[in-house]
Protein backbone atom coordinates (compact mmCIF):
# COMPACT_ATOMS: atom_id res chain seq x y z
CA MET A 1 87.00 -108.15 18.00
CA ASN A 2 83.59 -109.13 16.68
CA HIS A 3 82.14 -105.63 16.40
CA PRO A 4 83.47 -103.78 13.34
CA VAL A 5 81.69 -100.58 14.36
CA VAL A 6 83.60 -100.47 17.65
CA LEU A 7 86.87 -101.20 15.89
CA PHE A 8 86.25 -98.51 13.27
CA THR A 9 85.30 -95.99 15.97
CA LEU A 10 88.48 -96.72 17.94
CA ILE A 11 90.63 -96.38 14.81
CA ALA A 12 88.96 -93.11 13.81
CA TRP A 13 89.30 -91.74 17.37
CA SER A 14 92.98 -92.68 17.54
CA LEU A 15 93.84 -91.32 14.08
CA ALA A 16 92.10 -88.02 14.74
CA TRP A 17 93.98 -87.38 17.98
CA LYS A 18 97.25 -88.65 16.52
CA GLY A 19 96.96 -86.30 13.54
CA ILE A 20 96.24 -83.27 15.70
CA ALA A 21 99.04 -84.10 18.16
CA LEU A 22 101.58 -84.73 15.38
CA TRP A 23 100.68 -81.43 13.74
CA LYS A 24 101.04 -79.58 17.05
CA ALA A 25 104.37 -81.27 17.87
CA ALA A 26 105.68 -80.36 14.42
CA THR A 27 104.63 -76.73 14.68
CA LEU A 28 106.25 -76.48 18.11
CA ARG A 29 109.40 -78.18 16.75
CA ASP A 30 109.11 -80.82 19.46
CA LYS A 31 111.02 -83.66 17.75
CA ALA A 32 111.08 -86.09 20.67
CA TRP A 33 107.32 -85.91 21.22
CA PHE A 34 106.69 -86.14 17.47
CA ILE A 35 108.62 -89.41 17.28
CA ILE A 36 107.02 -90.83 20.43
CA ILE A 37 103.50 -90.02 19.23
CA LEU A 38 104.25 -91.36 15.77
CA LEU A 39 105.59 -94.71 17.01
CA LEU A 40 103.31 -95.49 19.96
CA ASN A 41 99.68 -96.43 19.55
CA THR A 42 97.85 -95.48 22.75
CA ALA A 43 94.28 -95.07 21.45
CA GLY A 44 94.57 -91.30 21.75
CA ILE A 45 95.59 -91.16 25.41
CA LEU A 46 99.20 -90.03 24.90
CA GLU A 47 98.11 -87.60 22.20
CA ILE A 48 95.53 -85.99 24.49
CA VAL A 49 98.12 -85.68 27.29
CA TYR A 50 100.54 -84.03 24.88
CA LEU A 51 97.98 -81.56 23.51
CA PHE A 52 96.44 -80.49 26.80
CA ILE A 53 99.47 -80.57 29.11
CA VAL A 54 102.84 -80.61 27.36
CA ALA A 55 102.07 -78.42 24.33
CA LYS A 56 100.19 -75.84 26.41
CA ARG A 57 103.05 -75.64 28.88
CA LYS A 58 105.58 -75.26 26.04
CA GLN A 59 103.50 -72.50 24.43
CA LEU A 60 103.22 -70.62 27.74
CA MET A 61 106.97 -70.88 28.30
CA ASP A 62 107.71 -69.68 24.77
CA ARG A 63 105.43 -66.68 25.21
CA ALA A 64 106.92 -65.85 28.61
CA PHE A 65 110.44 -65.79 27.18
CA GLY A 66 109.47 -64.10 23.93
CA HIS A 67 110.03 -67.06 21.60
CA GLU A 68 107.72 -67.78 18.71
CA ALA A 69 106.71 -71.38 18.08
C-alpha cells in the first residue's frame, strides 16, 4: 500500500472497534466471541456485527431472564 494515511486510518479504525468489542465480550463473559474477535482481523466488520447484533441480543436475553451481565 503506497498511502500511509490510508493504512494508518484502517489500523486505527480496526483497533478501535476491536478494543470496544473485546471489552464488551469480556463484560458479557462471552469467551467464544472474545477469542474469535481477538484472533481474526476483519477491519472492524466482525466487531461491529458482534456489538450491534450479538451483544445486544445477549443483553436483552439476560434482562428477560433476570441475569446480570
